[in-house]
Amino acid sequence: MSYDEILRELITAVGAALFIANFWALIRRPGDADRVAATTVARARPGSPVRGQANPAQKRELAQAPVARTVTYMVLGFLVMVAGLASLTA
């Protein structure tokens, strides 16, 4: 097994991982909004232990995966995966 073949396999794996991870983010999208809404209420209460008195700056948490960005990364991951598979079979 040569380094060239290992590099092709790694490129295929990274493309597949990018595709699958973003697909998973789209599937989890509705549940993420509920989870963030629940933690936002807990942080807003005065005296809440999760509020972070040492760090009063409000951290923004992404409620849901943005659809356009997620689909773009899915397409990119799919193209990289297909290119890697094509180079492995050629």
N, C-alpha and C. Protein backbone atom coordinates (compact mmCIF):
# COMPACT_ATOMS: atom_id res chain seq x y z
N MET A 1 0.85 -1.17 0.00
CA MET A 1 0.00 0.00 0.00
C MET A 1 0.90 1.24 0.00
N SER A 2 0.67 2.11 -0.95
CA SER A 2 1.52 3.29 -1.08
C SER A 2 0.89 4.49 -0.39
N TYR A 3 1.71 5.51 -0.20
CA TYR A 3 1.21 6.74 0.41
C TYR A 3 0.17 7.42 -0.47
N ASP A 4 0.30 7.27 -1.77
CA ASP A 4 -0.66 7.87 -2.69
C ASP A 4 -2.06 7.28 -2.47
N GLU A 5 -2.12 5.98 -2.29
CA GLU A 5 -3.41 5.32 -2.06
C GLU A 5 -3.99 5.71 -0.70
N ILE A 6 -3.15 5.83 0.30
CA ILE A 6 -3.61 6.24 1.63
C ILE A 6 -4.18 7.66 1.58
N LEU A 7 -3.52 8.55 0.83
CA LEU A 7 -4.02 9.91 0.70
C LEU A 7 -5.38 9.93 0.01
N ARG A 8 -5.56 9.10 -1.00
CA ARG A 8 -6.86 9.02 -1.67
C ARG A 8 -7.94 8.52 -0.72
N GLU A 9 -7.60 7.54 0.10
CA GLU A 9 -8.57 7.03 1.07
C GLU A 9 -8.92 8.10 2.11
N LEU A 10 -7.93 8.87 2.55
CA LEU A 10 -8.19 9.93 3.51
C LEU A 10 -9.08 11.02 2.93
N ILE A 11 -8.86 11.37 1.68
CA ILE A 11 -9.69 12.38 1.03
C ILE A 11 -11.13 11.87 0.92
N THR A 12 -11.29 10.61 0.58
CA THR A 12 -12.62 10.02 0.51
C THR A 12 -13.29 10.03 1.88
N ALA A 13 -12.54 9.69 2.92
CA ALA A 13 -13.10 9.64 4.27
C ALA A 13 -13.48 11.04 4.77
N VAL A 14 -12.67 12.04 4.48
CA VAL A 14 -12.98 13.40 4.91
C VAL A 14 -14.22 13.92 4.19
N GLY A 15 -14.34 13.64 2.91
CA GLY A 15 -15.54 14.04 2.16
C GLY A 15 -16.79 13.36 2.69
N ALA A 16 -16.68 12.06 2.99
CA ALA A 16 -17.83 11.34 3.53
C ALA A 16 -18.20 11.86 4.91
N ALA A 17 -17.21 12.16 5.73
CA ALA A 17 -17.47 12.69 7.07
C ALA A 17 -18.15 14.06 6.99
N LEU A 18 -17.72 14.90 6.08
CA LEU A 18 -18.33 16.22 5.91
C LEU A 18 -19.78 16.09 5.46
N PHE A 19 -20.03 15.18 4.54
CA PHE A 19 -21.38 14.95 4.05
C PHE A 19 -22.29 14.42 5.16
N ILE A 20 -21.84 13.38 5.87
CA ILE A 20 -22.67 12.74 6.88
C ILE A 20 -22.90 13.66 8.08
N ALA A 21 -21.89 14.39 8.51
CA ALA A 21 -22.06 15.28 9.66
C ALA A 21 -23.06 16.39 9.36
N ASN A 22 -23.03 16.94 8.18
CA ASN A 22 -23.98 18.00 7.85
C ASN A 22 -25.38 17.45 7.61
N PHE A 23 -25.47 16.24 7.10
CA PHE A 23 -26.76 15.57 6.96
C PHE A 23 -27.36 15.36 8.35
N TRP A 24 -26.54 14.94 9.30
CA TRP A 24 -26.98 14.73 10.67
C TRP A 24 -27.44 16.05 11.31
N ALA A 25 -26.76 17.14 10.99
CA ALA A 25 -27.16 18.44 11.52
C ALA A 25 -28.53 18.85 10.99
N LEU A 26 -28.83 18.51 9.74
CA LEU A 26 -30.15 18.82 9.20
C LEU A 26 -31.23 17.98 9.86
N ILE A 27 -30.92 16.73 10.16
CA ILE A 27 -31.89 15.87 10.82
C ILE A 27 -32.19 16.36 12.24
N ARG A 28 -31.17 16.81 12.94
CA ARG A 28 -31.32 17.26 14.33
C ARG A 28 -31.85 18.68 14.45
N ARG A 29 -32.02 19.37 13.37
CA ARG A 29 -32.38 20.79 13.37
C ARG A 29 -33.61 21.13 14.22
N PRO A 30 -34.73 20.44 14.12
CA PRO A 30 -35.90 20.80 14.94
C PRO A 30 -35.66 20.63 16.44
N GLY A 31 -34.96 19.59 16.83
CA GLY A 31 -34.68 19.36 18.25
C GLY A 31 -33.71 20.36 18.84
N ASP A 32 -32.82 20.87 18.02
CA ASP A 32 -31.84 21.85 18.50
C ASP A 32 -32.51 23.15 18.94
N ALA A 33 -33.55 23.56 18.23
CA ALA A 33 -34.23 24.80 18.60
C ALA A 33 -34.87 24.67 19.97
N ASP A 34 -35.45 23.51 20.27
CA ASP A 34 -36.07 23.29 21.58
C ASP A 34 -35.02 23.28 22.69
N ARG A 35 -33.88 22.66 22.43
CA ARG A 35 -32.81 22.57 23.43
C ARG A 35 -32.26 23.95 23.76
N VAL A 36 -32.01 24.75 22.77
CA VAL A 36 -31.45 26.08 23.01
C VAL A 36 -32.47 26.97 23.70
N ALA A 37 -33.74 26.84 23.36
CA ALA A 37 -34.77 27.63 24.02
C ALA A 37 -34.82 27.31 25.51
N ALA A 38 -34.66 26.05 25.87
CA ALA A 38 -34.69 25.66 27.29
C ALA A 38 -33.48 26.20 28.04
N THR A 39 -32.30 26.17 27.45
CA THR A 39 -31.12 26.67 28.15
C THR A 39 -31.08 28.19 28.19
N THR A 40 -31.70 28.85 27.22
CA THR A 40 -31.75 30.31 27.22
C THR A 40 -32.59 30.80 28.39
N VAL A 41 -33.68 30.12 28.68
CA VAL A 41 -34.52 30.50 29.82
C VAL A 41 -33.75 30.31 31.12
N ALA A 42 -33.01 29.22 31.25
CA ALA A 42 -32.24 28.96 32.47
C ALA A 42 -31.15 30.00 32.67
N ARG A 43 -30.52 30.45 31.62
CA ARG A 43 -29.45 31.44 31.75
C ARG A 43 -29.99 32.83 32.07
N ALA A 44 -31.21 33.11 31.68
CA ALA A 44 -31.76 34.45 31.86
C ALA A 44 -32.24 34.70 33.29
N ARG A 45 -32.49 33.65 34.06
CA ARG A 45 -32.99 33.83 35.42
C ARG A 45 -31.92 34.43 36.32
N PRO A 46 -32.28 35.40 37.14
CA PRO A 46 -31.31 35.95 38.09
C PRO A 46 -30.89 34.88 39.10
N GLY A 47 -29.60 34.81 39.38
CA GLY A 47 -29.10 33.86 40.35
C GLY A 47 -28.93 32.45 39.81
N SER A 48 -29.08 32.28 38.51
CA SER A 48 -28.95 30.96 37.91
C SER A 48 -27.49 30.51 37.97
N PRO A 49 -27.23 29.25 38.38
CA PRO A 49 -25.84 28.80 38.45
C PRO A 49 -25.20 28.64 37.07
N VAL A 50 -25.99 28.53 36.03
CA VAL A 50 -25.43 28.39 34.69
C VAL A 50 -25.25 29.74 34.01
N ARG A 51 -25.59 30.80 34.71
CA ARG A 51 -25.51 32.13 34.11
C ARG A 51 -24.08 32.58 33.91
N GLY A 52 -23.17 32.15 34.76
CA GLY A 52 -21.77 32.51 34.59
C GLY A 52 -21.48 33.91 35.08
N GLN A 53 -21.51 34.12 36.38
CA GLN A 53 -21.30 35.45 36.95
C GLN A 53 -19.88 35.96 36.68
N ALA A 54 -18.92 35.07 36.55
CA ALA A 54 -17.55 35.49 36.29
C ALA A 54 -17.40 36.03 34.87
N ASN A 55 -18.25 35.58 33.97
CA ASN A 55 -18.19 36.00 32.57
C ASN A 55 -19.56 36.54 32.17
N PRO A 56 -19.84 37.80 32.46
CA PRO A 56 -21.19 38.32 32.20
C PRO A 56 -21.51 38.53 30.73
N ALA A 57 -20.53 38.47 29.86
CA ALA A 57 -20.80 38.66 28.43
C ALA A 57 -21.67 37.51 27.92
N GLN A 58 -22.73 37.86 27.25
CA GLN A 58 -23.66 36.86 26.73
C GLN A 58 -23.05 36.15 25.53
N LYS A 59 -22.95 34.84 25.61
CA LYS A 59 -22.44 34.06 24.49
C LYS A 59 -23.62 33.64 23.62
N ARG A 60 -23.47 33.84 22.36
CA ARG A 60 -24.54 33.45 21.44
C ARG A 60 -24.31 32.02 21.01
N GLU A 61 -25.37 31.25 21.10
CA GLU A 61 -25.32 29.85 20.68
C GLU A 61 -26.22 29.71 19.46
N LEU A 62 -25.73 29.06 18.44
CA LEU A 62 -26.49 28.88 17.23
C LEU A 62 -27.65 27.94 17.52
N ALA A 63 -28.87 28.43 17.36
CA ALA A 63 -30.05 27.63 17.70
C ALA A 63 -30.23 26.45 16.75
N GLN A 64 -30.07 26.69 15.49
CA GLN A 64 -30.25 25.65 14.49
C GLN A 64 -29.16 25.78 13.44
N ALA A 65 -28.89 24.69 12.78
CA ALA A 65 -27.92 24.72 11.68
C ALA A 65 -28.54 25.51 10.52
N PRO A 66 -27.83 26.51 9.99
CA PRO A 66 -28.37 27.25 8.85
C PRO A 66 -28.50 26.33 7.64
N VAL A 67 -29.66 26.35 7.01
CA VAL A 67 -29.95 25.41 5.94
C VAL A 67 -29.03 25.62 4.74
N ALA A 68 -28.86 26.85 4.29
CA ALA A 68 -28.05 27.10 3.08
C ALA A 68 -26.61 26.66 3.29
N ARG A 69 -26.02 27.00 4.44
CA ARG A 69 -24.63 26.62 4.70
C ARG A 69 -24.50 25.11 4.84
N THR A 70 -25.45 24.50 5.52
CA THR A 70 -25.39 23.06 5.74
C THR A 70 -25.51 22.30 4.43
N VAL A 71 -26.43 22.71 3.58
CA VAL A 71 -26.59 22.04 2.28
C VAL A 71 -25.37 22.27 1.40
N THR A 72 -24.78 23.47 1.47
CA THR A 72 -23.57 23.75 0.70
C THR A 72 -22.43 22.84 1.12
N TYR A 73 -22.25 22.67 2.43
CA TYR A 73 -21.19 21.78 2.93
C TYR A 73 -21.50 20.32 2.61
N MET A 74 -22.78 19.96 2.58
CA MET A 74 -23.14 18.59 2.19
C MET A 74 -22.74 18.33 0.74
N VAL A 75 -23.05 19.28 -0.13
CA VAL A 75 -22.71 19.12 -1.55
C VAL A 75 -21.19 19.06 -1.72
N LEU A 76 -20.48 19.93 -1.02
CA LEU A 76 -19.01 19.92 -1.09
C LEU A 76 -18.44 18.59 -0.61
N GLY A 77 -18.94 18.10 0.51
CA GLY A 77 -18.49 16.81 1.03
C GLY A 77 -18.80 15.67 0.08
N PHE A 78 -19.98 15.71 -0.54
CA PHE A 78 -20.35 14.66 -1.50
C PHE A 78 -19.43 14.68 -2.71
N LEU A 79 -19.12 15.89 -3.21
CA LEU A 79 -18.23 15.99 -4.37
C LEU A 79 -16.82 15.49 -4.05
N VAL A 80 -16.32 15.83 -2.87
CA VAL A 80 -14.99 15.36 -2.47
C VAL A 80 -15.00 13.85 -2.31
N MET A 81 -16.06 13.31 -1.72
CA MET A 81 -16.15 11.87 -1.54
C MET A 81 -16.20 11.14 -2.88
N VAL A 82 -16.98 11.65 -3.82
CA VAL A 82 -17.08 11.03 -5.15
C VAL A 82 -15.75 11.12 -5.90
N ALA A 83 -15.07 12.26 -5.78
CA ALA A 83 -13.77 12.41 -6.42
C ALA A 83 -12.76 11.43 -5.83
N GLY A 84 -12.81 11.27 -4.52
CA GLY A 84 -11.92 10.31 -3.87
C GLY A 84 -12.21 8.88 -4.29
N LEU A 85 -13.49 8.53 -4.36
CA LEU A 85 -13.87 7.18 -4.82
C LEU A 85 -13.46 6.95 -6.27
N ALA A 86 -13.61 7.98 -7.09
CA ALA A 86 -13.23 7.85 -8.50
C ALA A 86 -11.73 7.65 -8.64
N SER A 87 -10.95 8.35 -7.81
CA SER A 87 -9.50 8.18 -7.88
C SER A 87 -9.05 6.82 -7.32
N LEU A 88 -9.82 6.26 -6.41
CA LEU A 88 -9.47 4.94 -5.88
C LEU A 88 -9.77 3.84 -6.90
N THR A 89 -10.84 4.00 -7.66
CA THR A 89 -11.20 2.95 -8.61
C THR A 89 -10.51 3.09 -9.96
N ALA A 90 -9.92 4.25 -10.21
CA ALA A 90 -9.26 4.46 -11.50
C ALA A 90 -7.91 3.78 -11.55
